[in-house]
Amino acid sequence: MTQVAAAQLRSEQAGAESVRTVQEGMSLLGQAQRAHEAGEIAVRRLEPANLRAFPLLSKHAPERYLQEFRQLRSRLQRVRVLREAHGQKTRSILVTSPQPGEGKSFVALNLALMIAVAPEARILLADLNVRRPTFQSRFKLPKGPGLEEIIAGAAWRQASWWMPDTQLYITTLSDSPRDLMDPLHYDKLAARVEALSADFDWIIFDGPALLEGPDAEIASVLADATLLVVRRGETSFAEMDECTHRIAPGRLAGVVYNSAR
């Protein structure tokens, strides 16, 4: 069990899990000096400063965030059980929204973090927003190999960043990866996502907005399931209806109502 997971478990046993508990567990990351997965290809590690990209780790994060994302994690687990009972594999999740600015990245990052505090869960959090890639700037990471290189055949450990004391890995996109979602490349994309699914318990894609272009529709076919994030006061019912028609049939796992301001 990781130090972060142990911190969470202790608080759950006491009935008092809080945002601060998760943050205190994450503060141990800077102390982690042990070698990572001895004998495997070395991975680049995230430093504490990089982790400020996670909204849940902000000192200003409301306590309700933790409860809401714990509920989302639990519901997603139930969706997986139900889908897999019907023969539908559910390892890769696309997080999307009708339009930019409705909170899909907020949901993708916090959801990945909450899954990561569970013991023995290996997660890949991937920037798949080919129109507006943000992970490199959000996490303040230098340019380097990322999702494009993984799709091209590079080992994922060589093209991802590791969060110490967890099994969470993050991979970025370059500044102009538009052709990554070209339908002509679909078979190669699908094969690589399938191969990655064998190495991870969860793959969470922060994808493009559905109504911006066809990229998110292609991504919804690549991923096993899709979470649609809608925002209070911004997303219309007409947009929601249009999105449900654009998501690949049988792939909509749920709708996340984002009321964060």
C-alpha atoms as a PDB file:
ATOM      1  CA  MET A   1       0.000   0.000   0.000  1.00  0.00           C
ATOM      2  CA  THR A   2       1.352   3.472  -0.853  1.00  0.00           C
ATOM      3  CA  GLN A   3       1.858   6.164   1.762  1.00  0.00           C
ATOM      4  CA  VAL A   4      -0.934   8.183   0.159  1.00  0.00           C
ATOM      5  CA  ALA A   5      -3.325   5.235   0.216  1.00  0.00           C
ATOM      6  CA  ALA A   6      -2.398   4.465   3.815  1.00  0.00           C
ATOM      7  CA  ALA A   7      -3.129   8.043   4.822  1.00  0.00           C
ATOM      8  CA  GLN A   8      -6.523   7.824   3.151  1.00  0.00           C
ATOM      9  CA  LEU A   9      -7.300   4.475   4.752  1.00  0.00           C
ATOM     10  CA  ARG A  10      -6.452   5.758   8.222  1.00  0.00           C
ATOM     11  CA  SER A  11      -8.823   8.668   7.808  1.00  0.00           C
ATOM     12  CA  GLU A  12     -11.601   6.467   6.443  1.00  0.00           C
ATOM     13  CA  GLN A  13     -11.253   4.159   9.427  1.00  0.00           C
ATOM     14  CA  ALA A  14     -11.611   7.178  11.676  1.00  0.00           C
ATOM     15  CA  GLY A  15     -14.613   8.352   9.669  1.00  0.00           C
ATOM     16  CA  ALA A  16     -13.017  11.694   8.942  1.00  0.00           C
ATOM     17  CA  GLU A  17     -11.504  11.715   5.462  1.00  0.00           C
ATOM     18  CA  SER A  18     -10.873  15.249   4.277  1.00  0.00           C
ATOM     19  CA  VAL A  19      -9.204  17.193   1.510  1.00  0.00           C
ATOM     20  CA  ARG A  20      -6.386  17.916   3.963  1.00  0.00           C
ATOM     21  CA  THR A  21      -5.836  14.171   4.475  1.00  0.00           C
ATOM     22  CA  VAL A  22      -5.200  13.668   0.778  1.00  0.00           C
ATOM     23  CA  GLN A  23      -2.997  16.752   0.666  1.00  0.00           C
ATOM     24  CA  GLU A  24      -0.963  15.589   3.667  1.00  0.00           C
ATOM     25  CA  GLY A  25      -0.471  12.219   2.021  1.00  0.00           C
ATOM     26  CA  MET A  26       0.673  13.917  -1.163  1.00  0.00           C
ATOM     27  CA  SER A  27       3.137  16.047   0.818  1.00  0.00           C
ATOM     28  CA  LEU A  28       5.082  12.832   1.427  1.00  0.00           C
ATOM     29  CA  LEU A  29       5.909  12.665  -2.265  1.00  0.00           C
ATOM     30  CA  GLY A  30       8.869  14.970  -1.901  1.00  0.00           C
ATOM     31  CA  GLN A  31      10.356  12.543   0.619  1.00  0.00           C
ATOM     32  CA  ALA A  32      10.117   9.503  -1.652  1.00  0.00           C
ATOM     33  CA  GLN A  33      13.665   8.644  -2.718  1.00  0.00           C
ATOM     34  CA  ARG A  34      13.323   4.936  -3.403  1.00  0.00           C
ATOM     35  CA  ALA A  35      14.019   3.472  -6.849  1.00  0.00           C
ATOM     36  CA  HIS A  36      10.880   3.027  -8.926  1.00  0.00           C
ATOM     37  CA  GLU A  37       9.975  -0.445 -10.170  1.00  0.00           C
ATOM     38  CA  ALA A  38      13.506  -1.843 -10.024  1.00  0.00           C
ATOM     39  CA  GLY A  39      14.624  -3.476 -13.202  1.00  0.00           C
ATOM     40  CA  GLU A  40      12.159  -1.595 -15.413  1.00  0.00           C
ATOM     41  CA  ILE A  41      12.744   1.342 -17.731  1.00  0.00           C
ATOM     42  CA  ALA A  42      13.257   4.516 -15.688  1.00  0.00           C
ATOM     43  CA  VAL A  43      10.386   6.979 -15.733  1.00  0.00           C
ATOM     44  CA  ARG A  44      10.499  10.717 -15.322  1.00  0.00           C
ATOM     45  CA  ARG A  45       9.096  11.693 -11.949  1.00  0.00           C
ATOM     46  CA  LEU A  46       6.774  14.522 -11.036  1.00  0.00           C
ATOM     47  CA  GLU A  47       8.008  16.897  -8.360  1.00  0.00           C
ATOM     48  CA  PRO A  48       5.766  18.445  -5.698  1.00  0.00           C
ATOM     49  CA  ALA A  49       5.624  21.700  -7.690  1.00  0.00           C
ATOM     50  CA  ASN A  50       4.150  19.841 -10.682  1.00  0.00           C
ATOM     51  CA  LEU A  51       1.341  18.442  -8.530  1.00  0.00           C
ATOM     52  CA  ARG A  52      -0.193  21.873  -8.039  1.00  0.00           C
ATOM     53  CA  ALA A  53      -1.993  21.192 -11.312  1.00  0.00           C
ATOM     54  CA  PHE A  54      -4.434  18.954  -9.424  1.00  0.00           C
ATOM     55  CA  PRO A  55      -7.321  21.147  -8.174  1.00  0.00           C
ATOM     56  CA  LEU A  56      -7.954  18.744  -5.286  1.00  0.00           C
ATOM     57  CA  LEU A  57      -4.467  19.430  -3.927  1.00  0.00           C
ATOM     58  CA  SER A  58      -4.992  23.180  -3.765  1.00  0.00           C
ATOM     59  CA  LYS A  59      -5.010  24.576  -0.234  1.00  0.00           C
ATOM     60  CA  HIS A  60      -8.218  26.370  -1.240  1.00  0.00           C
ATOM     61  CA  ALA A  61     -10.032  23.185  -2.344  1.00  0.00           C
ATOM     62  CA  PRO A  62     -13.451  22.890  -0.637  1.00  0.00           C
ATOM     63  CA  GLU A  63     -14.082  19.764   1.431  1.00  0.00           C
ATOM     64  CA  ARG A  64     -17.066  18.898  -0.772  1.00  0.00           C
ATOM     65  CA  TYR A  65     -14.699  18.226  -3.698  1.00  0.00           C
ATOM     66  CA  LEU A  66     -13.319  15.153  -1.975  1.00  0.00           C
ATOM     67  CA  GLN A  67     -16.737  13.702  -1.212  1.00  0.00           C
ATOM     68  CA  GLU A  68     -17.991  14.367  -4.735  1.00  0.00           C
ATOM     69  CA  PHE A  69     -14.998  12.725  -6.386  1.00  0.00           C
ATOM     70  CA  ARG A  70     -15.108   9.774  -4.023  1.00  0.00           C
ATOM     71  CA  GLN A  71     -18.730   9.290  -5.105  1.00  0.00           C
ATOM     72  CA  LEU A  72     -17.760   9.600  -8.758  1.00  0.00           C
ATOM     73  CA  ARG A  73     -14.992   7.034  -8.283  1.00  0.00           C
ATOM     74  CA  SER A  74     -17.435   4.617  -6.606  1.00  0.00           C
ATOM     75  CA  ARG A  75     -20.068   5.084  -9.286  1.00  0.00           C
ATOM     76  CA  LEU A  76     -17.537   4.540 -12.028  1.00  0.00           C
ATOM     77  CA  GLN A  77     -16.482   1.306 -10.354  1.00  0.00           C
ATOM     78  CA  ARG A  78     -20.128   0.181 -10.301  1.00  0.00           C
ATOM     79  CA  VAL A  79     -20.533   1.098 -13.967  1.00  0.00           C
ATOM     80  CA  ARG A  80     -17.471  -1.015 -14.750  1.00  0.00           C
ATOM     81  CA  VAL A  81     -18.878  -4.017 -12.871  1.00  0.00           C
ATOM     82  CA  LEU A  82     -22.246  -3.728 -14.635  1.00  0.00           C
ATOM     83  CA  ARG A  83     -20.720  -3.250 -18.078  1.00  0.00           C
ATOM     84  CA  GLU A  84     -18.248  -6.091 -17.672  1.00  0.00           C
ATOM     85  CA  ALA A  85     -21.061  -8.369 -16.488  1.00  0.00           C
ATOM     86  CA  HIS A  86     -22.461  -7.838 -19.995  1.00  0.00           C
ATOM     87  CA  GLY A  87     -19.127  -8.459 -21.684  1.00  0.00           C
ATOM     88  CA  GLN A  88     -18.210  -4.774 -22.136  1.00  0.00           C
ATOM     89  CA  LYS A  89     -14.587  -4.097 -21.178  1.00  0.00           C
ATOM     90  CA  THR A  90     -14.213  -0.841 -19.247  1.00  0.00           C
ATOM     91  CA  ARG A  91     -10.609   0.184 -18.695  1.00  0.00           C
ATOM     92  CA  SER A  92     -10.268   3.341 -20.795  1.00  0.00           C
ATOM     93  CA  ILE A  93     -12.481   6.363 -20.063  1.00  0.00           C
ATOM     94  CA  LEU A  94     -12.847   9.465 -22.219  1.00  0.00           C
ATOM     95  CA  VAL A  95     -13.768  12.605 -20.272  1.00  0.00           C
ATOM     96  CA  THR A  96     -15.343  15.168 -22.573  1.00  0.00           C
ATOM     97  CA  SER A  97     -17.850  18.026 -22.586  1.00  0.00           C
ATOM     98  CA  PRO A  98     -20.038  19.778 -25.160  1.00  0.00           C
ATOM     99  CA  GLN A  99     -17.876  22.924 -25.296  1.00  0.00           C
ATOM    100  CA  PRO A 100     -14.484  24.019 -23.927  1.00  0.00           C
ATOM    101  CA  GLY A 101     -14.495  25.540 -20.453  1.00  0.00           C
ATOM    102  CA  GLU A 102     -17.140  23.287 -18.923  1.00  0.00           C
ATOM    103  CA  GLY A 103     -14.806  21.501 -16.524  1.00  0.00           C
ATOM    104  CA  LYS A 104     -13.768  18.270 -18.230  1.00  0.00           C
ATOM    105  CA  SER A 105     -10.084  18.709 -17.301  1.00  0.00           C
ATOM    106  CA  PHE A 106     -11.103  19.544 -13.727  1.00  0.00           C
ATOM    107  CA  VAL A 107     -13.033  16.275 -13.602  1.00  0.00           C
ATOM    108  CA  ALA A 108     -10.391  14.170 -15.387  1.00  0.00           C
ATOM    109  CA  LEU A 109      -7.530  15.292 -13.122  1.00  0.00           C
ATOM    110  CA  ASN A 110      -9.405  14.959  -9.840  1.00  0.00           C
ATOM    111  CA  LEU A 111     -10.921  11.610 -10.814  1.00  0.00           C
ATOM    112  CA  ALA A 112      -7.500  10.214 -11.733  1.00  0.00           C
ATOM    113  CA  LEU A 113      -6.096  11.445  -8.426  1.00  0.00           C
ATOM    114  CA  MET A 114      -8.892   9.822  -6.415  1.00  0.00           C
ATOM    115  CA  ILE A 115      -8.430   6.500  -8.200  1.00  0.00           C
ATOM    116  CA  ALA A 116      -4.674   6.780  -7.644  1.00  0.00           C
ATOM    117  CA  VAL A 117      -4.995   6.830  -3.858  1.00  0.00           C
ATOM    118  CA  ALA A 118      -6.534   3.346  -4.014  1.00  0.00           C
ATOM    119  CA  PRO A 119      -3.921   0.633  -3.463  1.00  0.00           C
ATOM    120  CA  GLU A 120      -2.633  -1.360  -6.405  1.00  0.00           C
ATOM    121  CA  ALA A 121      -4.452   0.648  -9.074  1.00  0.00           C
ATOM    122  CA  ARG A 122      -2.240   1.668 -12.003  1.00  0.00           C
ATOM    123  CA  ILE A 123      -3.643   4.660 -13.891  1.00  0.00           C
ATOM    124  CA  LEU A 124      -2.596   6.488 -17.037  1.00  0.00           C
ATOM    125  CA  LEU A 125      -3.901  10.053 -17.282  1.00  0.00           C
ATOM    126  CA  ALA A 126      -3.457  11.161 -20.882  1.00  0.00           C
ATOM    127  CA  ASP A 127      -3.982  14.487 -22.603  1.00  0.00           C
ATOM    128  CA  LEU A 128      -6.026  13.649 -25.696  1.00  0.00           C
ATOM    129  CA  ASN A 129      -7.280  17.173 -26.333  1.00  0.00           C
ATOM    130  CA  VAL A 130      -5.740  17.521 -29.764  1.00  0.00           C
ATOM    131  CA  ARG A 131      -7.332  20.935 -30.286  1.00  0.00           C
ATOM    132  CA  ARG A 132      -6.244  22.483 -26.987  1.00  0.00           C
ATOM    133  CA  PRO A 133      -3.533  20.364 -25.308  1.00  0.00           C
ATOM    134  CA  THR A 134      -2.918  21.674 -21.791  1.00  0.00           C
ATOM    135  CA  PHE A 135      -1.083  19.095 -19.675  1.00  0.00           C
ATOM    136  CA  GLN A 136       2.412  20.299 -20.547  1.00  0.00           C
ATOM    137  CA  SER A 137       1.664  23.860 -19.428  1.00  0.00           C
ATOM    138  CA  ARG A 138      -0.716  22.860 -16.625  1.00  0.00           C
ATOM    139  CA  PHE A 139       1.865  20.585 -14.994  1.00  0.00           C
ATOM    140  CA  LYS A 140       4.756  22.899 -15.967  1.00  0.00           C
ATOM    141  CA  LEU A 141       6.588  20.086 -17.730  1.00  0.00           C
ATOM    142  CA  PRO A 142       9.389  20.447 -20.276  1.00  0.00           C
ATOM    143  CA  LYS A 143       8.846  19.341 -23.834  1.00  0.00           C
ATOM    144  CA  GLY A 144       9.526  15.679 -24.372  1.00  0.00           C
ATOM    145  CA  PRO A 145       8.040  12.402 -25.543  1.00  0.00           C
ATOM    146  CA  GLY A 146       4.351  11.949 -24.854  1.00  0.00           C
ATOM    147  CA  LEU A 147       1.203  10.368 -26.212  1.00  0.00           C
ATOM    148  CA  GLU A 148       2.196  10.742 -29.862  1.00  0.00           C
ATOM    149  CA  GLU A 149       5.359   8.751 -29.217  1.00  0.00           C
ATOM    150  CA  ILE A 150       3.398   6.081 -27.351  1.00  0.00           C
ATOM    151  CA  ILE A 151       1.005   5.771 -30.288  1.00  0.00           C
ATOM    152  CA  ALA A 152       4.024   5.543 -32.604  1.00  0.00           C
ATOM    153  CA  GLY A 153       5.294   2.570 -30.608  1.00  0.00           C
ATOM    154  CA  ALA A 154       7.472   3.984 -27.818  1.00  0.00           C
ATOM    155  CA  ALA A 155       7.356   2.290 -24.417  1.00  0.00           C
ATOM    156  CA  TRP A 156       4.865   4.156 -22.247  1.00  0.00           C
ATOM    157  CA  ARG A 157       7.394   4.410 -19.407  1.00  0.00           C
ATOM    158  CA  GLN A 158       9.674   6.425 -21.679  1.00  0.00           C
ATOM    159  CA  ALA A 159       6.897   8.853 -22.579  1.00  0.00           C
ATOM    160  CA  SER A 160       5.127   9.455 -19.282  1.00  0.00           C
ATOM    161  CA  TRP A 161       5.631  11.128 -15.926  1.00  0.00           C
ATOM    162  CA  TRP A 162       5.236   9.209 -12.675  1.00  0.00           C
ATOM    163  CA  MET A 163       3.701  10.518  -9.459  1.00  0.00           C
ATOM    164  CA  PRO A 164       5.898   9.090  -6.676  1.00  0.00           C
ATOM    165  CA  ASP A 165       4.249   6.873  -4.069  1.00  0.00           C
ATOM    166  CA  THR A 166       1.339   6.162  -6.405  1.00  0.00           C
ATOM    167  CA  GLN A 167       0.868   4.237  -9.627  1.00  0.00           C
ATOM    168  CA  LEU A 168      -0.397   7.299 -11.476  1.00  0.00           C
ATOM    169  CA  TYR A 169       1.333   8.156 -14.760  1.00  0.00           C
ATOM    170  CA  ILE A 170       0.717  11.247 -16.875  1.00  0.00           C
ATOM    171  CA  THR A 171       1.419  11.696 -20.561  1.00  0.00           C
ATOM    172  CA  THR A 172       1.239  14.928 -22.524  1.00  0.00           C
ATOM    173  CA  LEU A 173       0.680  16.088 -26.096  1.00  0.00           C
ATOM    174  CA  SER A 174       2.820  18.339 -28.249  1.00  0.00           C
ATOM    175  CA  ASP A 175       1.682  21.813 -29.280  1.00  0.00           C
ATOM    176  CA  SER A 176       0.193  20.699 -32.609  1.00  0.00           C
ATOM    177  CA  PRO A 177      -0.986  17.074 -32.536  1.00  0.00           C
ATOM    178  CA  ARG A 178      -4.041  17.543 -34.794  1.00  0.00           C
ATOM    179  CA  ASP A 179      -3.245  14.647 -37.131  1.00  0.00           C
ATOM    180  CA  LEU A 180      -3.174  12.233 -34.175  1.00  0.00           C
ATOM    181  CA  MET A 181      -6.955  11.797 -34.499  1.00  0.00           C
ATOM    182  CA  ASP A 182      -6.953  11.473 -38.276  1.00  0.00           C
ATOM    183  CA  PRO A 183      -9.436   8.684 -39.165  1.00  0.00           C
ATOM    184  CA  LEU A 184      -6.731   7.216 -41.400  1.00  0.00           C
ATOM    185  CA  HIS A 185      -4.746   6.414 -38.242  1.00  0.00           C
ATOM    186  CA  TYR A 186      -7.679   4.873 -36.390  1.00  0.00           C
ATOM    187  CA  ASP A 187      -6.575   1.235 -36.604  1.00  0.00           C
ATOM    188  CA  LYS A 188      -3.127   2.088 -35.235  1.00  0.00           C
ATOM    189  CA  LEU A 189      -4.637   4.216 -32.482  1.00  0.00           C
ATOM    190  CA  ALA A 190      -7.083   1.488 -31.508  1.00  0.00           C
ATOM    191  CA  ALA A 191      -4.342  -1.141 -31.386  1.00  0.00           C
ATOM    192  CA  ARG A 192      -2.143   0.993 -29.127  1.00  0.00           C
ATOM    193  CA  VAL A 193      -4.997   1.851 -26.747  1.00  0.00           C
ATOM    194  CA  GLU A 194      -5.845  -1.847 -26.555  1.00  0.00           C
ATOM    195  CA  ALA A 195      -2.204  -2.661 -25.762  1.00  0.00           C
ATOM    196  CA  LEU A 196      -2.090   0.029 -23.066  1.00  0.00           C
ATOM    197  CA  SER A 197      -5.235  -1.409 -21.501  1.00  0.00           C
ATOM    198  CA  ALA A 198      -3.279  -4.554 -20.698  1.00  0.00           C
ATOM    199  CA  ASP A 199      -0.801  -2.520 -18.611  1.00  0.00           C
ATOM    200  CA  PHE A 200      -3.216  -0.256 -16.725  1.00  0.00           C
ATOM    201  CA  ASP A 201      -6.239  -0.719 -14.499  1.00  0.00           C
ATOM    202  CA  TRP A 202      -7.610   2.598 -15.731  1.00  0.00           C
ATOM    203  CA  ILE A 203      -6.755   4.913 -18.614  1.00  0.00           C
ATOM    204  CA  ILE A 204      -8.349   8.342 -18.347  1.00  0.00           C
ATOM    205  CA  PHE A 205      -8.283  10.516 -21.452  1.00  0.00           C
ATOM    206  CA  ASP A 206      -8.872  14.247 -21.117  1.00  0.00           C
ATOM    207  CA  GLY A 207     -10.376  14.655 -24.562  1.00  0.00           C
ATOM    208  CA  PRO A 208     -11.499  17.447 -26.864  1.00  0.00           C
ATOM    209  CA  ALA A 209     -14.943  19.028 -26.591  1.00  0.00           C
ATOM    210  CA  LEU A 210     -17.560  17.095 -28.539  1.00  0.00           C
ATOM    211  CA  LEU A 211     -19.122  20.015 -30.388  1.00  0.00           C
ATOM    212  CA  GLU A 212     -15.803  21.536 -31.527  1.00  0.00           C
ATOM    213  CA  GLY A 213     -15.180  18.958 -34.232  1.00  0.00           C
ATOM    214  CA  PRO A 214     -15.024  15.244 -35.024  1.00  0.00           C
ATOM    215  CA  ASP A 215     -11.992  14.457 -32.831  1.00  0.00           C
ATOM    216  CA  ALA A 216     -14.009  13.654 -29.704  1.00  0.00           C
ATOM    217  CA  GLU A 217     -16.312  11.361 -31.670  1.00  0.00           C
ATOM    218  CA  ILE A 218     -13.295   9.345 -32.812  1.00  0.00           C
ATOM    219  CA  ALA A 219     -11.968   9.347 -29.244  1.00  0.00           C
ATOM    220  CA  SER A 220     -15.298   8.032 -27.937  1.00  0.00           C
ATOM    221  CA  VAL A 221     -14.873   4.996 -30.186  1.00  0.00           C
ATOM    222  CA  LEU A 222     -11.283   4.470 -29.025  1.00  0.00           C
ATOM    223  CA  ALA A 223     -12.212   4.578 -25.328  1.00  0.00           C
ATOM    224  CA  ASP A 224     -14.269   1.853 -23.698  1.00  0.00           C
ATOM    225  CA  ALA A 225     -16.620   4.392 -22.111  1.00  0.00           C
ATOM    226  CA  THR A 226     -17.257   8.140 -22.017  1.00  0.00           C
ATOM    227  CA  LEU A 227     -18.055  10.548 -19.191  1.00  0.00           C
ATOM    228  CA  LEU A 228     -19.829  13.693 -20.369  1.00  0.00           C
ATOM    229  CA  VAL A 229     -19.203  16.772 -18.211  1.00  0.00           C
ATOM    230  CA  VAL A 230     -21.860  19.498 -18.329  1.00  0.00           C
ATOM    231  CA  ARG A 231     -21.747  22.829 -16.529  1.00  0.00           C
ATOM    232  CA  ARG A 232     -24.480  24.552 -14.594  1.00  0.00           C
ATOM    233  CA  GLY A 233     -25.754  27.640 -16.352  1.00  0.00           C
ATOM    234  CA  GLU A 234     -23.718  27.014 -19.513  1.00  0.00           C
ATOM    235  CA  THR A 235     -24.643  23.670 -21.077  1.00  0.00           C
ATOM    236  CA  SER A 236     -28.017  23.662 -22.836  1.00  0.00           C
ATOM    237  CA  PHE A 237     -30.329  20.664 -23.125  1.00  0.00           C
ATOM    238  CA  ALA A 238     -29.949  20.890 -26.906  1.00  0.00           C
ATOM    239  CA  GLU A 239     -26.166  20.543 -26.552  1.00  0.00           C
ATOM    240  CA  MET A 240     -26.539  17.590 -24.208  1.00  0.00           C
ATOM    241  CA  ASP A 241     -28.901  15.899 -26.640  1.00  0.00           C
ATOM    242  CA  GLU A 242     -26.520  16.486 -29.546  1.00  0.00           C
ATOM    243  CA  CYS A 243     -23.630  15.051 -27.542  1.00  0.00           C
ATOM    244  CA  THR A 244     -25.493  11.859 -26.673  1.00  0.00           C
ATOM    245  CA  HIS A 245     -25.950  11.290 -30.408  1.00  0.00           C
ATOM    246  CA  ARG A 246     -22.282  11.931 -31.176  1.00  0.00           C
ATOM    247  CA  ILE A 247     -20.854   9.591 -28.544  1.00  0.00           C
ATOM    248  CA  ALA A 248     -20.322   6.074 -29.893  1.00  0.00           C
ATOM    249  CA  PRO A 249     -23.380   3.855 -29.244  1.00  0.00           C
ATOM    250  CA  GLY A 250     -23.263   2.065 -25.909  1.00  0.00           C
ATOM    251  CA  ARG A 251     -20.236   4.049 -24.698  1.00  0.00           C
ATOM    252  CA  LEU A 252     -21.879   6.749 -22.538  1.00  0.00           C
ATOM    253  CA  ALA A 253     -21.039   5.750 -18.952  1.00  0.00           C
ATOM    254  CA  GLY A 254     -22.631   8.778 -17.316  1.00  0.00           C
ATOM    255  CA  VAL A 255     -23.059  12.539 -17.123  1.00  0.00           C
ATOM    256  CA  VAL A 256     -21.129  14.616 -14.572  1.00  0.00           C
ATOM    257  CA  TYR A 257     -22.902  17.794 -13.500  1.00  0.00           C
ATOM    258  CA  ASN A 258     -20.229  20.374 -12.753  1.00  0.00           C
ATOM    259  CA  SER A 259     -21.361  23.193 -10.523  1.00  0.00           C
ATOM    260  CA  ALA A 260     -17.856  24.409  -9.662  1.00  0.00           C
ATOM    261  CA  ARG A 261     -17.275  28.084 -10.359  1.00  0.00           C
END
